[in-house]
Amino acid sequence: MIEVDLVDYDVNAILAIVAVLKSMDLKIDRDFNFHYHPPKYDNFSYDAVYNRHTVFSFKDGGVASWFALKYKQ
């Protein structure tokens, strides 16, 4: 599996990306998988958010490359 890490995408954006992948006839657990890690706050600063990221895993290297070029910041 080839992993691509997306940083600072909120949950709605991630679900929209998953919908795009599904519209390409890719199936979860067969062609790709993803794990969303929600934001964490440090309770000291007003706007300090860290560790918000999503890890996508792809079976096909070509799809993983396309995905990284399209969505990786």
C-alpha atoms as a PDB file:
ATOM      1  CA  MET A   1       0.000   0.000   0.000  1.00  0.00           C
ATOM      2  CA  ILE A   2       1.231   3.488  -0.896  1.00  0.00           C
ATOM      3  CA  GLU A   3       0.374   6.140   1.683  1.00  0.00           C
ATOM      4  CA  VAL A   4      -0.341   9.811   0.989  1.00  0.00           C
ATOM      5  CA  ASP A   5      -0.702  12.174   3.948  1.00  0.00           C
ATOM      6  CA  LEU A   6      -2.970  15.213   3.582  1.00  0.00           C
ATOM      7  CA  VAL A   7      -2.500  17.969   6.164  1.00  0.00           C
ATOM      8  CA  ASP A   8      -5.046  20.607   7.261  1.00  0.00           C
ATOM      9  CA  TYR A   9      -8.087  19.331   5.368  1.00  0.00           C
ATOM     10  CA  ASP A  10     -11.289  19.457   7.416  1.00  0.00           C
ATOM     11  CA  VAL A  11     -13.659  16.513   7.574  1.00  0.00           C
ATOM     12  CA  ASN A  12     -16.032  17.939   4.925  1.00  0.00           C
ATOM     13  CA  ALA A  13     -13.185  18.319   2.434  1.00  0.00           C
ATOM     14  CA  ILE A  14     -12.019  14.761   3.129  1.00  0.00           C
ATOM     15  CA  LEU A  15     -15.512  13.383   2.557  1.00  0.00           C
ATOM     16  CA  ALA A  16     -15.709  15.313  -0.726  1.00  0.00           C
ATOM     17  CA  ILE A  17     -12.395  13.758  -1.807  1.00  0.00           C
ATOM     18  CA  VAL A  18     -13.678  10.289  -0.880  1.00  0.00           C
ATOM     19  CA  ALA A  19     -16.787  10.957  -2.995  1.00  0.00           C
ATOM     20  CA  VAL A  20     -14.550  11.840  -5.961  1.00  0.00           C
ATOM     21  CA  LEU A  21     -12.599   8.610  -5.517  1.00  0.00           C
ATOM     22  CA  LYS A  22     -15.832   6.609  -5.341  1.00  0.00           C
ATOM     23  CA  SER A  23     -17.108   8.309  -8.513  1.00  0.00           C
ATOM     24  CA  MET A  24     -13.937   7.009 -10.219  1.00  0.00           C
ATOM     25  CA  ASP A  25     -15.192   3.484  -9.387  1.00  0.00           C
ATOM     26  CA  LEU A  26     -12.617   2.977  -6.634  1.00  0.00           C
ATOM     27  CA  LYS A  27     -13.818   0.968  -3.653  1.00  0.00           C
ATOM     28  CA  ILE A  28     -12.935   1.491  -0.008  1.00  0.00           C
ATOM     29  CA  ASP A  29     -10.929  -1.451   1.417  1.00  0.00           C
ATOM     30  CA  ARG A  30     -10.312  -2.825  -2.085  1.00  0.00           C
ATOM     31  CA  ASP A  31      -8.573   0.053  -3.887  1.00  0.00           C
ATOM     32  CA  PHE A  32      -7.980   2.588  -1.118  1.00  0.00           C
ATOM     33  CA  ASN A  33      -8.482   3.284   2.540  1.00  0.00           C
ATOM     34  CA  PHE A  34      -8.239   6.419   4.677  1.00  0.00           C
ATOM     35  CA  HIS A  35      -7.810   7.365   8.321  1.00  0.00           C
ATOM     36  CA  TYR A  36      -8.847  10.811   9.504  1.00  0.00           C
ATOM     37  CA  HIS A  37      -7.035  12.212  12.537  1.00  0.00           C
ATOM     38  CA  PRO A  38      -9.076  15.113  13.997  1.00  0.00           C
ATOM     39  CA  PRO A  39      -7.493  18.351  15.192  1.00  0.00           C
ATOM     40  CA  LYS A  40      -6.176  18.634  18.712  1.00  0.00           C
ATOM     41  CA  TYR A  41      -6.021  21.862  20.707  1.00  0.00           C
ATOM     42  CA  ASP A  42      -3.256  22.750  23.132  1.00  0.00           C
ATOM     43  CA  ASN A  43      -5.494  24.656  25.644  1.00  0.00           C
ATOM     44  CA  PHE A  44      -2.881  27.404  26.014  1.00  0.00           C
ATOM     45  CA  SER A  45      -3.160  29.360  22.763  1.00  0.00           C
ATOM     46  CA  TYR A  46      -6.319  30.687  21.178  1.00  0.00           C
ATOM     47  CA  ASP A  47      -5.870  29.217  17.721  1.00  0.00           C
ATOM     48  CA  ALA A  48      -3.270  26.482  18.176  1.00  0.00           C
ATOM     49  CA  VAL A  49      -4.412  23.413  16.280  1.00  0.00           C
ATOM     50  CA  TYR A  50      -2.044  20.615  15.442  1.00  0.00           C
ATOM     51  CA  ASN A  51      -1.962  17.090  14.086  1.00  0.00           C
ATOM     52  CA  ARG A  52      -5.012  17.467  11.817  1.00  0.00           C
ATOM     53  CA  HIS A  53      -4.289  15.122   8.936  1.00  0.00           C
ATOM     54  CA  THR A  54      -5.656  12.248   6.918  1.00  0.00           C
ATOM     55  CA  VAL A  55      -3.679   9.274   5.656  1.00  0.00           C
ATOM     56  CA  PHE A  56      -4.887   7.750   2.399  1.00  0.00           C
ATOM     57  CA  SER A  57      -3.537   4.320   1.422  1.00  0.00           C
ATOM     58  CA  PHE A  58      -3.720   3.147  -2.193  1.00  0.00           C
ATOM     59  CA  LYS A  59      -3.149  -0.253  -3.733  1.00  0.00           C
ATOM     60  CA  ASP A  60      -2.267   1.137  -7.188  1.00  0.00           C
ATOM     61  CA  GLY A  61       0.821   3.348  -7.447  1.00  0.00           C
ATOM     62  CA  GLY A  62      -0.568   5.247 -10.428  1.00  0.00           C
ATOM     63  CA  VAL A  63      -3.677   6.290  -8.524  1.00  0.00           C
ATOM     64  CA  ALA A  64      -1.530   7.248  -5.519  1.00  0.00           C
ATOM     65  CA  SER A  65       0.667   9.460  -7.720  1.00  0.00           C
ATOM     66  CA  TRP A  66      -2.338  11.155  -9.336  1.00  0.00           C
ATOM     67  CA  PHE A  67      -3.914  11.692  -5.907  1.00  0.00           C
ATOM     68  CA  ALA A  68      -0.729  13.220  -4.443  1.00  0.00           C
ATOM     69  CA  LEU A  69      -0.356  15.591  -7.412  1.00  0.00           C
ATOM     70  CA  LYS A  70      -3.984  16.674  -7.195  1.00  0.00           C
ATOM     71  CA  TYR A  71      -4.547  17.014  -3.432  1.00  0.00           C
ATOM     72  CA  LYS A  72      -1.215  17.265  -1.613  1.00  0.00           C
ATOM     73  CA  GLN A  73      -0.414  20.838  -0.573  1.00  0.00           C
END
